[in-house]
Amino acid sequence: MLLGALYAVLRGQDDDWDLKNYHLYSPWALLHGRLALDLAPAGMQSFFNPLPDLPYFLLGMGPLRHLPHLLAGVQGLWYGGLVFVLLQIAIRLSGVRERPFGAIDLLAVLIGATGTMVMSQAGRSSNEVPLALLILLGLYLLLPLCGSAPVSKPVRRVLLAGFLCGLAVGLKPTAMVYPPALGFALLVALDARASTWRMAPIYAVGALLGFMLVYGWWGWQLYRLTGNPVFPMFNELFHSNWGPAVSDTDRLFMPRDLGQWLFYPFYWIKMNHGVVTEQNSADGRYALEMLSVIVLVVTSWLTRSHPLAGARVMRLLVAFVVVGYVLWLGLFSILRYAVPLEVLSGLLLMMALQALPASKQADGTSRRWPTRLMAGLLVLLFVFGRYPGWGRGPYASMTFDVHPPTIERNSLVLVVGQPAAYVIPFLADAQTSQYIGLTWFNRQARGYRPDALVRERIAGHHGTIYALLRNDAGVDLDLLQQFLPGAQMSNCEPVQSSLELDRNEKDESNGLRICQVKRG
């Protein structure tokens, strides 16, 4: 965990797009009860559960306000914890498979722990790593059920595994593909016996309890406001009058043809941009993982009459990865949501190599070539992998060194475009003003309830109106003219922010400023 903290500190200050859009605004809005007062200043993300962002916000605005390195280190503990749990899974896996933990197991852990997504997410406020940690803890709890030795209190294990997976989904719905994948994998691993089927509702109850604990309160607030407890997601099911009947899941990185649908991981081996993630990336782990699954399925079928030790745990991991991948592929196809699959790639690769007949000598002992091959692959994957940056900047004297110009109390601030909502918590007397986003979300909501509310609030506001925007506001700036025809901006003042600097201290604010808006 300390190594995870150190790595996160060396990565630099997190200042990526999501942080500047909603990871700081959302917890501030939660603490000040802004859900119904503001109108989506962070766009669609204004309606996401703010709970996972609360610790980072409270630490950065409170006790670690002047200790940015320490805050980055604290955030990096999640990565260290994930690697620790992965190591424990490998140790437990070797025990269930009735073989000693050795160098090849450690190499398998290192291959998974050095994946491009998990390493690039370390120390970020995106929360992908904490979610993966919860999912892997659930997997860890279920491993002993796949061994030959009797397990004490199996019901408690299944209940807790479901609870941890439910927590992950409640904190961020992008983890929703993993609880059903793990539940199905348990049924496959234990041959779907009658006793196993009795475990299924226990697992489901645990997942529901975890989900309701961290999301139920927020879902109720969204339902009261919009009529959709997961708004704006899956509105084709809830038909809220706040938006059209669409799912609103990001489909930008979905497979584009049959070849990608069938062999998508092989498209990520070489450097690519915009194929399966937002930034430049390259990683061969997923392709090796797909090949490993094929090898394990084939060898399992060939040896079905005399299954090897650990056959059930092999089925657990393969089924979890396959079902998780298929659900992920059909719903998101965004690579940073696949961290739980990425970190298991090394373990599946190790099991596939060990399942090959050529890995055994005549006396049944293991040959050395699988270990050497794993070591070589680890080096190649690391050297030829392309690790996204996700927005990192230099540390300032304060964690969030943001200084916007002063605005009048009881103002109306139009947040034109994204990302800019992070400035709101740093405005003097911010809680006295109202904030309205003018983004693609408004264009999508044309003719629905938010559209009417924006017009009502602008028309009914008799104080000063400001606009928070950048130079590339473009189409979003046209929305300002639609809601305020003939409006003009004056007295523009820049927002001074350390979060707008890249690692070389180059200003990337793109003219981030606050202007006074004069009605036409």
Protein backbone atom coordinates (compact mmCIF):
# COMPACT_ATOMS: atom_id res chain seq x y z
CA MET A 1 0.00 0.00 0.00
CA LEU A 2 2.90 2.35 0.70
CA LEU A 3 4.31 1.55 -2.74
CA GLY A 4 0.92 2.44 -4.20
CA ALA A 5 0.98 5.73 -2.34
CA LEU A 6 4.51 6.51 -3.53
CA TYR A 7 3.64 5.69 -7.14
CA ALA A 8 0.59 8.00 -7.00
CA VAL A 9 2.69 10.85 -5.62
CA LEU A 10 5.22 10.45 -8.44
CA ARG A 11 2.40 10.57 -10.99
CA GLY A 12 1.60 14.17 -10.07
CA GLN A 13 -1.52 16.18 -9.26
CA ASP A 14 -4.75 14.76 -10.63
CA ASP A 15 -6.33 17.42 -12.84
CA ASP A 16 -8.17 15.44 -15.48
CA TRP A 17 -11.43 16.27 -17.27
CA ASP A 18 -13.74 14.44 -14.86
CA LEU A 19 -12.17 16.09 -11.81
CA LYS A 20 -12.76 19.52 -13.30
CA ASN A 21 -16.25 18.60 -14.39
CA TYR A 22 -17.88 16.89 -11.41
CA HIS A 23 -15.56 15.17 -8.90
CA LEU A 24 -15.23 18.44 -6.96
CA TYR A 25 -18.59 20.00 -7.74
CA SER A 26 -20.69 16.93 -6.84
CA PRO A 27 -19.55 16.50 -3.21
CA TRP A 28 -19.83 20.26 -2.66
CA ALA A 29 -23.36 20.15 -4.06
CA LEU A 30 -24.19 17.23 -1.77
CA LEU A 31 -22.97 19.04 1.34
CA HIS A 32 -25.02 22.12 0.44
CA GLY A 33 -28.15 20.38 -0.80
CA ARG A 34 -27.88 21.66 -4.37
CA LEU A 35 -29.57 18.83 -6.31
CA ALA A 36 -32.84 20.74 -6.82
CA LEU A 37 -31.32 24.23 -6.53
CA ASP A 38 -28.87 23.98 -9.42
CA LEU A 39 -29.64 22.72 -12.91
CA ALA A 40 -26.94 20.32 -14.11
CA PRO A 41 -23.89 22.66 -14.06
CA ALA A 42 -21.73 19.56 -14.64
CA GLY A 43 -24.00 18.25 -17.37
CA MET A 44 -25.27 14.69 -17.12
CA GLN A 45 -22.68 13.89 -14.45
CA SER A 46 -24.46 16.29 -12.05
CA PHE A 47 -26.87 13.41 -11.33
CA PHE A 48 -24.23 10.79 -10.45
CA ASN A 49 -23.94 9.49 -6.89
CA PRO A 50 -21.57 11.96 -5.14
CA LEU A 51 -20.73 9.62 -2.26
CA PRO A 52 -17.48 8.13 -3.69
CA ASP A 53 -16.10 11.65 -4.30
CA LEU A 54 -16.79 12.85 -0.77
CA PRO A 55 -13.59 11.60 1.00
CA TYR A 56 -11.29 13.08 -1.65
CA PHE A 57 -13.13 16.40 -1.53
CA LEU A 58 -13.24 16.63 2.27
CA LEU A 59 -9.55 15.78 2.63
CA GLY A 60 -8.46 18.14 -0.14
CA MET A 61 -10.58 21.02 1.15
CA GLY A 62 -9.91 20.27 4.81
CA PRO A 63 -6.98 18.68 6.69
CA LEU A 64 -4.87 18.08 3.56
CA ARG A 65 -5.65 21.44 1.99
CA HIS A 66 -1.97 22.44 2.08
CA LEU A 67 -0.59 18.91 1.65
CA PRO A 68 -1.23 17.96 -1.99
CA HIS A 69 1.47 15.29 -2.02
CA LEU A 70 -0.07 13.59 0.96
CA LEU A 71 -3.53 13.63 -0.59
CA ALA A 72 -2.15 12.01 -3.74
CA GLY A 73 -0.49 9.39 -1.55
CA VAL A 74 -3.72 8.69 0.32
CA GLN A 75 -5.53 8.25 -3.01
CA GLY A 76 -2.76 5.89 -4.13
CA LEU A 77 -3.44 3.58 -1.19
CA TRP A 78 -6.34 2.15 -3.20
CA TYR A 79 -3.91 0.93 -5.87
CA GLY A 80 -1.60 -0.56 -3.27
CA GLY A 81 -4.59 -2.25 -1.63
CA LEU A 82 -5.72 -3.66 -4.97
CA VAL A 83 -2.29 -5.16 -5.64
CA PHE A 84 -2.26 -6.65 -2.13
CA VAL A 85 -5.66 -8.31 -2.68
CA LEU A 86 -4.51 -9.58 -6.08
CA LEU A 87 -1.48 -11.12 -4.37
CA GLN A 88 -3.73 -12.74 -1.76
CA ILE A 89 -5.91 -14.15 -4.55
CA ALA A 90 -2.82 -15.65 -6.18
CA ILE A 91 -1.73 -17.20 -2.87
CA ARG A 92 -5.19 -18.62 -2.19
CA LEU A 93 -5.42 -19.79 -5.80
CA SER A 94 -2.20 -21.80 -5.46
CA GLY A 95 -3.56 -23.40 -2.29
CA VAL A 96 -6.86 -24.36 -3.87
CA ARG A 97 -4.95 -25.83 -6.85
CA GLU A 98 -2.77 -27.81 -4.41
CA ARG A 99 0.52 -26.40 -5.59
CA PRO A 100 3.13 -24.19 -3.87
CA PHE A 101 3.20 -20.45 -4.46
CA GLY A 102 6.28 -19.65 -6.51
CA ALA A 103 7.97 -17.28 -8.92
CA ILE A 104 5.45 -17.86 -11.69
CA ASP A 105 2.61 -16.84 -9.37
CA LEU A 106 4.40 -13.63 -8.47
CA LEU A 107 4.99 -12.89 -12.15
CA ALA A 108 1.27 -13.42 -12.79
CA VAL A 109 0.47 -10.84 -10.12
CA LEU A 110 2.95 -8.38 -11.61
CA ILE A 111 1.49 -8.76 -15.10
CA GLY A 112 -1.98 -7.91 -13.80
CA ALA A 113 -0.81 -5.15 -11.47
CA THR A 114 1.10 -3.33 -14.23
CA GLY A 115 -1.79 -3.11 -16.68
CA THR A 116 -2.20 0.16 -18.54
CA MET A 117 -5.60 0.97 -17.08
CA VAL A 118 -4.95 0.11 -13.45
CA MET A 119 -1.57 1.86 -13.31
CA SER A 120 -2.81 4.95 -15.11
CA GLN A 121 -5.82 5.14 -12.77
CA ALA A 122 -3.68 4.99 -9.61
CA GLY A 123 -4.08 8.11 -7.49
CA ARG A 124 -6.91 9.52 -9.61
CA SER A 125 -10.27 10.65 -8.31
CA SER A 126 -12.11 8.56 -10.93
CA ASN A 127 -12.71 5.73 -8.39
CA GLU A 128 -12.13 2.88 -10.87
CA VAL A 129 -9.46 1.35 -8.62
CA PRO A 130 -11.59 1.30 -5.40
CA LEU A 131 -14.40 -0.35 -7.37
CA ALA A 132 -12.03 -3.03 -8.67
CA LEU A 133 -10.76 -3.58 -5.13
CA LEU A 134 -14.31 -4.32 -3.91
CA ILE A 135 -14.98 -6.71 -6.81
CA LEU A 136 -11.72 -8.60 -6.24
CA LEU A 137 -12.42 -8.89 -2.52
CA GLY A 138 -15.70 -10.58 -3.44
CA LEU A 139 -13.83 -12.97 -5.73
CA TYR A 140 -11.28 -13.68 -3.00
CA LEU A 141 -14.03 -14.68 -0.58
CA LEU A 142 -15.48 -17.21 -3.03
CA LEU A 143 -12.22 -18.96 -3.95
CA PRO A 144 -12.22 -21.41 -0.98
CA LEU A 145 -15.67 -22.68 -2.03
CA CYS A 146 -14.00 -24.08 -5.14
CA GLY A 147 -11.45 -26.16 -3.25
CA SER A 148 -11.62 -29.74 -2.06
CA ALA A 149 -11.42 -28.90 1.64
CA PRO A 150 -14.64 -28.12 3.56
CA VAL A 151 -15.27 -24.42 4.14
CA SER A 152 -16.69 -23.01 7.34
CA LYS A 153 -19.65 -20.63 7.10
CA PRO A 154 -20.02 -20.68 3.30
CA VAL A 155 -23.29 -18.75 3.49
CA ARG A 156 -21.51 -15.86 5.19
CA ARG A 157 -18.84 -15.85 2.48
CA VAL A 158 -21.40 -15.75 -0.31
CA LEU A 159 -23.45 -13.05 1.42
CA LEU A 160 -20.39 -10.85 2.02
CA ALA A 161 -19.10 -11.36 -1.53
CA GLY A 162 -22.44 -10.19 -2.91
CA PHE A 163 -22.47 -7.27 -0.47
CA LEU A 164 -19.04 -6.05 -1.60
CA CYS A 165 -20.03 -6.27 -5.27
CA GLY A 166 -23.27 -4.42 -4.51
CA LEU A 167 -21.29 -1.66 -2.82
CA ALA A 168 -19.22 -1.23 -5.98
CA VAL A 169 -22.31 -0.85 -8.17
CA GLY A 170 -23.95 1.55 -5.74
CA LEU A 171 -20.89 3.77 -5.65
CA LYS A 172 -20.54 3.83 -9.44
CA PRO A 173 -22.90 2.03 -11.83
CA THR A 174 -20.08 1.28 -14.26
CA ALA A 175 -19.36 -1.75 -12.02
CA MET A 176 -22.80 -3.22 -12.74
CA VAL A 177 -21.43 -5.89 -15.07
CA TYR A 178 -19.38 -7.64 -12.38
CA PRO A 179 -21.90 -8.81 -9.72
CA PRO A 180 -23.91 -10.91 -12.22
CA ALA A 181 -20.67 -12.17 -13.74
CA LEU A 182 -19.37 -13.34 -10.37
CA GLY A 183 -22.71 -14.87 -9.38
CA PHE A 184 -22.91 -16.80 -12.66
CA ALA A 185 -19.27 -17.87 -12.31
CA LEU A 186 -20.00 -19.38 -8.88
CA LEU A 187 -22.82 -21.46 -10.36
CA VAL A 188 -20.54 -22.68 -13.16
CA ALA A 189 -17.67 -23.46 -10.80
CA LEU A 190 -19.82 -25.52 -8.44
CA ASP A 191 -21.65 -27.36 -11.25
CA ALA A 192 -24.96 -25.65 -10.51
CA ARG A 193 -25.89 -28.26 -7.90
CA ALA A 194 -29.02 -27.84 -5.79
CA SER A 195 -26.93 -26.56 -2.89
CA THR A 196 -25.31 -24.04 -5.19
CA TRP A 197 -28.65 -22.74 -6.43
CA ARG A 198 -29.60 -22.14 -2.81
CA MET A 199 -26.55 -19.86 -2.58
CA ALA A 200 -27.73 -17.74 -5.51
CA PRO A 201 -30.49 -15.84 -3.65
CA ILE A 202 -28.11 -15.29 -0.73
CA TYR A 203 -25.57 -13.74 -3.07
CA ALA A 204 -28.30 -11.62 -4.67
CA VAL A 205 -29.56 -10.42 -1.28
CA GLY A 206 -26.03 -9.42 -0.30
CA ALA A 207 -25.57 -7.50 -3.55
CA LEU A 208 -28.92 -5.75 -3.11
CA LEU A 209 -28.08 -4.77 0.49
CA GLY A 210 -24.71 -3.34 -0.56
CA PHE A 211 -26.26 -1.43 -3.44
CA MET A 212 -29.11 0.01 -1.36
CA LEU A 213 -26.77 1.01 1.46
CA VAL A 214 -24.73 3.40 -0.69
CA TYR A 215 -27.18 4.23 -3.48
CA GLY A 216 -30.69 3.90 -2.08
CA TRP A 217 -30.74 7.35 -0.48
CA TRP A 218 -29.46 8.99 -3.68
CA GLY A 219 -31.77 7.02 -5.94
CA TRP A 220 -34.72 8.14 -3.83
CA GLN A 221 -33.71 11.80 -4.21
CA LEU A 222 -33.36 11.40 -7.98
CA TYR A 223 -36.73 9.67 -8.15
CA ARG A 224 -38.43 12.46 -6.21
CA LEU A 225 -36.87 15.07 -8.48
CA THR A 226 -37.03 13.41 -11.90
CA GLY A 227 -39.11 10.24 -11.61
CA ASN A 228 -36.08 8.10 -12.50
CA PRO A 229 -33.89 6.72 -9.65
CA VAL A 230 -30.88 6.39 -11.94
CA PHE A 231 -31.50 9.49 -14.06
CA PRO A 232 -30.48 10.11 -16.77
CA MET A 233 -29.41 6.51 -17.29
CA PHE A 234 -31.88 3.95 -18.70
CA ASN A 235 -34.64 6.51 -19.13
CA GLU A 236 -36.14 4.29 -21.81
CA LEU A 237 -37.33 2.18 -18.86
CA PHE A 238 -38.45 4.93 -16.46
CA HIS A 239 -39.72 7.56 -18.96
CA SER A 240 -38.89 10.59 -16.82
CA ASN A 241 -40.14 13.89 -18.22
CA TRP A 242 -36.66 15.27 -17.60
CA GLY A 243 -35.27 13.74 -20.77
CA PRO A 244 -35.86 11.54 -23.80
CA ALA A 245 -36.40 7.79 -23.52
CA VAL A 246 -32.76 6.81 -24.12
CA SER A 247 -30.23 4.90 -22.04
CA ASP A 248 -27.58 7.68 -22.02
CA THR A 249 -24.77 5.16 -21.64
CA ASP A 250 -21.63 6.23 -23.50
CA ARG A 251 -21.58 4.26 -26.79
CA LEU A 252 -18.63 6.09 -28.35
CA PHE A 253 -16.19 3.19 -27.95
CA MET A 254 -18.44 0.30 -28.91
CA PRO A 255 -17.12 -2.16 -31.52
CA ARG A 256 -17.64 -0.84 -35.03
CA ASP A 257 -17.73 -4.04 -37.10
CA LEU A 258 -17.92 -7.82 -36.75
CA GLY A 259 -14.16 -8.16 -36.46
CA GLN A 260 -14.07 -5.86 -33.45
CA TRP A 261 -17.07 -7.57 -31.85
CA LEU A 262 -15.26 -10.91 -32.05
CA PHE A 263 -11.63 -9.93 -31.51
CA TYR A 264 -11.72 -6.48 -29.92
CA PRO A 265 -8.74 -7.07 -27.53
CA PHE A 266 -6.43 -7.66 -30.49
CA TYR A 267 -7.16 -4.13 -31.71
CA TRP A 268 -5.64 -2.72 -28.53
CA ILE A 269 -2.22 -4.36 -28.85
CA LYS A 270 -0.77 -1.52 -30.88
CA MET A 271 -1.03 2.16 -30.00
CA ASN A 272 -4.50 3.50 -30.68
CA HIS A 273 -6.54 6.59 -29.92
CA GLY A 274 -10.28 6.66 -29.43
CA VAL A 275 -10.76 2.96 -30.16
CA VAL A 276 -11.62 1.74 -26.69
CA THR A 277 -10.65 4.63 -24.45
CA GLU A 278 -10.36 8.41 -24.54
CA GLN A 279 -6.57 8.68 -24.71
CA ASN A 280 -3.65 7.01 -26.46
CA SER A 281 -3.20 3.48 -25.17
CA ALA A 282 -1.80 0.08 -26.07
CA ASP A 283 -1.96 -3.14 -24.08
CA GLY A 284 -1.55 -6.77 -25.08
CA ARG A 285 -2.83 -8.21 -21.78
CA TYR A 286 -6.42 -8.45 -22.92
CA ALA A 287 -5.49 -10.36 -26.09
CA LEU A 288 -3.34 -12.77 -24.04
CA GLU A 289 -6.25 -13.13 -21.62
CA MET A 290 -8.61 -14.06 -24.45
CA LEU A 291 -6.13 -16.64 -25.75
CA SER A 292 -5.69 -17.98 -22.22
CA VAL A 293 -9.44 -18.45 -21.84
CA ILE A 294 -9.54 -20.42 -25.10
CA VAL A 295 -6.67 -22.64 -23.97
CA LEU A 296 -8.28 -23.27 -20.58
CA VAL A 297 -11.67 -24.11 -22.08
CA VAL A 298 -10.14 -26.53 -24.60
CA THR A 299 -7.87 -28.27 -22.09
CA SER A 300 -10.72 -28.50 -19.60
CA TRP A 301 -12.88 -30.23 -22.17
CA LEU A 302 -10.07 -32.62 -23.17
CA THR A 303 -9.39 -33.60 -19.56
CA ARG A 304 -13.04 -33.72 -18.45
CA SER A 305 -12.79 -37.42 -17.61
CA HIS A 306 -9.92 -36.80 -15.17
CA PRO A 307 -10.10 -33.11 -14.14
CA LEU A 308 -6.99 -31.54 -12.69
CA ALA A 309 -6.74 -30.15 -9.18
CA GLY A 310 -8.24 -26.70 -9.15
CA ALA A 311 -10.60 -27.35 -12.06
CA ARG A 312 -13.45 -25.63 -10.25
CA VAL A 313 -11.47 -22.53 -9.40
CA MET A 314 -10.36 -22.40 -13.03
CA ARG A 315 -14.00 -22.44 -14.07
CA LEU A 316 -14.76 -19.68 -11.56
CA LEU A 317 -12.12 -17.34 -12.98
CA VAL A 318 -12.83 -18.15 -16.63
CA ALA A 319 -16.59 -17.74 -16.25
CA PHE A 320 -16.18 -14.47 -14.35
CA VAL A 321 -13.86 -13.00 -16.97
CA VAL A 322 -15.91 -14.23 -19.95
CA VAL A 323 -19.29 -13.08 -18.65
CA GLY A 324 -17.84 -9.84 -17.28
CA TYR A 325 -16.20 -9.13 -20.63
CA VAL A 326 -19.33 -9.89 -22.67
CA LEU A 327 -21.49 -7.64 -20.46
CA TRP A 328 -18.83 -4.92 -20.50
CA LEU A 329 -18.53 -5.19 -24.28
CA GLY A 330 -22.27 -4.85 -24.84
CA LEU A 331 -22.85 -2.05 -22.36
CA PHE A 332 -19.76 0.21 -22.30
CA SER A 333 -16.64 -0.97 -24.16
CA ILE A 334 -14.74 1.70 -22.21
CA LEU A 335 -11.44 0.17 -21.20
CA ARG A 336 -10.95 1.97 -17.89
CA TYR A 337 -14.11 0.22 -16.65
CA ALA A 338 -12.42 -3.14 -17.22
CA VAL A 339 -9.81 -2.92 -14.45
CA PRO A 340 -11.14 -6.06 -12.63
CA LEU A 341 -10.64 -8.05 -15.85
CA GLU A 342 -7.24 -6.53 -16.57
CA VAL A 343 -5.68 -7.36 -13.20
CA LEU A 344 -6.68 -11.05 -13.54
CA SER A 345 -4.97 -11.39 -16.93
CA GLY A 346 -1.69 -12.64 -15.45
CA LEU A 347 -3.36 -15.35 -13.36
CA LEU A 348 -5.31 -16.68 -16.34
CA LEU A 349 -2.17 -16.63 -18.49
CA MET A 350 -0.29 -18.61 -15.83
CA MET A 351 -3.08 -21.20 -15.54
CA ALA A 352 -3.25 -21.57 -19.34
CA LEU A 353 0.49 -22.20 -19.63
CA GLN A 354 0.41 -24.69 -16.77
CA ALA A 355 -2.54 -26.50 -18.38
CA LEU A 356 -0.50 -27.28 -21.51
CA PRO A 357 0.92 -30.84 -21.58
CA ALA A 358 4.33 -29.43 -22.59
CA SER A 359 4.57 -27.64 -19.23
CA LYS A 360 5.04 -30.96 -17.41
CA GLN A 361 8.00 -33.29 -17.40
CA ALA A 362 7.66 -37.04 -17.62
CA ASP A 363 7.68 -37.37 -13.82
CA GLY A 364 4.89 -34.80 -13.49
CA THR A 365 7.05 -31.94 -12.23
CA SER A 366 6.76 -28.50 -13.81
CA ARG A 367 9.15 -27.34 -16.50
CA ARG A 368 10.86 -23.98 -16.24
CA TRP A 369 9.87 -22.51 -19.60
CA PRO A 370 6.44 -21.22 -18.46
CA THR A 371 8.11 -19.13 -15.76
CA ARG A 372 10.68 -17.78 -18.19
CA LEU A 373 7.99 -17.02 -20.76
CA MET A 374 5.94 -15.17 -18.14
CA ALA A 375 8.99 -13.09 -17.20
CA GLY A 376 9.63 -12.23 -20.84
CA LEU A 377 5.99 -11.31 -21.43
CA LEU A 378 6.00 -9.07 -18.36
CA VAL A 379 8.91 -7.10 -19.79
CA LEU A 380 7.40 -6.91 -23.28
CA LEU A 381 3.98 -5.84 -22.02
CA PHE A 382 5.49 -3.12 -19.88
CA VAL A 383 7.88 -1.83 -22.54
CA PHE A 384 5.42 -1.79 -25.42
CA GLY A 385 2.37 -0.77 -23.42
CA ARG A 386 1.11 2.78 -23.80
CA TYR A 387 -0.07 4.20 -20.48
CA PRO A 388 -2.63 7.04 -20.69
CA GLY A 389 -1.87 10.20 -18.74
CA TRP A 390 -5.45 11.19 -17.89
CA GLY A 391 -4.38 14.70 -16.95
CA ARG A 392 -1.61 15.20 -14.41
CA GLY A 393 -0.17 18.50 -13.34
CA PRO A 394 2.44 19.98 -11.01
CA TYR A 395 1.80 20.23 -7.30
CA ALA A 396 1.02 23.70 -5.98
CA SER A 397 1.24 25.03 -2.44
CA MET A 398 -2.43 24.07 -2.03
CA THR A 399 -4.12 20.88 -3.16
CA PHE A 400 -6.73 22.83 -5.11
CA ASP A 401 -5.15 26.21 -5.78
CA VAL A 402 -8.16 27.80 -7.48
CA HIS A 403 -8.86 31.52 -7.38
CA PRO A 404 -11.89 32.69 -9.38
CA PRO A 405 -12.85 36.36 -9.61
CA THR A 406 -15.38 37.72 -7.13
CA ILE A 407 -19.03 37.66 -8.11
CA GLU A 408 -21.99 39.33 -6.44
CA ARG A 409 -24.03 37.43 -3.90
CA ASN A 410 -27.34 35.94 -5.04
CA SER A 411 -26.20 35.81 -8.64
CA LEU A 412 -27.13 33.39 -11.42
CA VAL A 413 -24.09 31.70 -12.95
CA LEU A 414 -24.44 30.00 -16.33
CA VAL A 415 -21.81 27.27 -16.70
CA VAL A 416 -21.32 27.22 -20.47
CA GLY A 417 -19.70 24.00 -21.65
CA GLN A 418 -17.62 21.41 -19.86
CA PRO A 419 -15.49 20.99 -17.80
CA ALA A 420 -15.83 24.06 -15.61
CA ALA A 421 -18.13 23.26 -12.68
CA TYR A 422 -15.15 22.59 -10.37
CA VAL A 423 -14.75 26.38 -10.02
CA ILE A 424 -18.09 26.71 -8.20
CA PRO A 425 -16.96 25.54 -4.72
CA PHE A 426 -14.19 28.14 -4.76
CA LEU A 427 -16.43 31.13 -5.39
CA ALA A 428 -16.89 33.44 -2.41
CA ASP A 429 -20.30 32.83 -0.83
CA ALA A 430 -20.95 30.22 -3.51
CA GLN A 431 -23.98 28.81 -1.71
CA THR A 432 -25.90 32.11 -2.13
CA SER A 433 -25.97 31.84 -5.93
CA GLN A 434 -27.61 29.48 -8.41
CA TYR A 435 -25.81 27.54 -11.14
CA ILE A 436 -27.21 26.38 -14.46
CA GLY A 437 -25.34 24.28 -16.97
CA LEU A 438 -25.57 24.99 -20.69
CA THR A 439 -24.17 21.82 -22.27
CA TRP A 440 -25.11 19.01 -24.64
CA PHE A 441 -27.42 17.82 -21.86
CA ASN A 442 -29.61 20.88 -22.48
CA ARG A 443 -29.73 20.17 -26.20
CA GLN A 444 -30.80 16.61 -25.48
CA ALA A 445 -33.43 17.87 -22.99
CA ARG A 446 -34.98 20.29 -25.50
CA GLY A 447 -38.73 20.24 -24.93
CA TYR A 448 -38.46 18.40 -21.60
CA ARG A 449 -38.67 19.60 -18.01
CA PRO A 450 -35.06 20.91 -17.67
CA ASP A 451 -35.54 23.10 -20.73
CA ALA A 452 -38.57 24.77 -19.14
CA LEU A 453 -36.81 25.13 -15.77
CA VAL A 454 -33.80 26.87 -17.34
CA ARG A 455 -36.05 29.37 -19.08
CA GLU A 456 -38.09 29.98 -15.91
CA ARG A 457 -35.06 30.58 -13.73
CA ILE A 458 -33.33 32.88 -16.19
CA ALA A 459 -36.49 34.86 -16.76
CA GLY A 460 -37.27 35.02 -13.05
CA HIS A 461 -33.81 36.10 -11.93
CA HIS A 462 -33.58 39.84 -11.26
CA GLY A 463 -29.99 40.00 -10.06
CA THR A 464 -26.65 39.78 -11.83
CA ILE A 465 -26.04 37.00 -14.35
CA TYR A 466 -22.58 35.61 -15.00
CA ALA A 467 -21.18 33.11 -17.48
CA LEU A 468 -18.39 30.66 -16.62
CA LEU A 469 -16.86 29.45 -19.88
CA ARG A 470 -13.81 28.68 -22.00
CA ASN A 471 -12.77 29.74 -25.50
CA ASP A 472 -14.06 26.50 -27.01
CA ALA A 473 -17.61 26.92 -25.66
CA GLY A 474 -18.76 26.98 -29.29
CA VAL A 475 -22.10 25.20 -29.67
CA ASP A 476 -22.79 25.55 -25.95
CA LEU A 477 -22.38 29.30 -26.29
CA ASP A 478 -25.19 29.21 -28.86
CA LEU A 479 -27.44 27.88 -26.08
CA LEU A 480 -26.82 31.11 -24.18
CA GLN A 481 -28.25 33.07 -27.10
CA GLN A 482 -31.25 30.76 -27.25
CA PHE A 483 -32.10 31.29 -23.60
CA LEU A 484 -31.00 34.95 -23.57
CA PRO A 485 -31.41 36.34 -27.10
CA GLY A 486 -29.07 39.23 -27.78
CA ALA A 487 -27.12 38.72 -24.55
CA GLN A 488 -23.63 40.21 -24.44
CA MET A 489 -20.71 39.50 -22.14
CA SER A 490 -18.47 42.09 -20.51
CA ASN A 491 -16.04 42.55 -17.63
CA CYS A 492 -14.50 39.12 -18.20
CA GLU A 493 -11.90 38.04 -15.64
CA PRO A 494 -9.76 34.88 -15.80
CA VAL A 495 -9.93 32.03 -13.31
CA GLN A 496 -6.53 31.41 -11.78
CA SER A 497 -6.18 27.66 -11.23
CA SER A 498 -3.26 25.29 -10.73
CA LEU A 499 -5.51 22.53 -12.07
CA GLU A 500 -5.19 24.10 -15.53
CA LEU A 501 -1.44 23.42 -15.78
CA ASP A 502 0.10 20.34 -17.38
CA ARG A 503 3.21 18.56 -16.10
CA ASN A 504 5.39 21.15 -17.85
CA GLU A 505 3.39 23.98 -16.24
CA LYS A 506 1.91 24.93 -19.59
CA ASP A 507 -1.41 26.75 -19.24
CA GLU A 508 -4.24 24.63 -20.64
CA SER A 509 -7.11 26.71 -19.27
CA ASN A 510 -8.21 27.69 -22.78
CA GLY A 511 -9.35 31.09 -21.55
CA LEU A 512 -11.33 29.86 -18.54
CA ARG A 513 -13.06 32.98 -17.27
CA ILE A 514 -16.13 34.49 -15.66
CA CYS A 515 -17.99 37.21 -17.54
CA GLN A 516 -20.91 39.40 -16.65
CA VAL A 517 -23.90 38.77 -18.92
CA LYS A 518 -26.01 41.69 -20.09
CA ARG A 519 -29.51 40.87 -21.29
CA GLY A 520 -30.28 41.84 -24.88
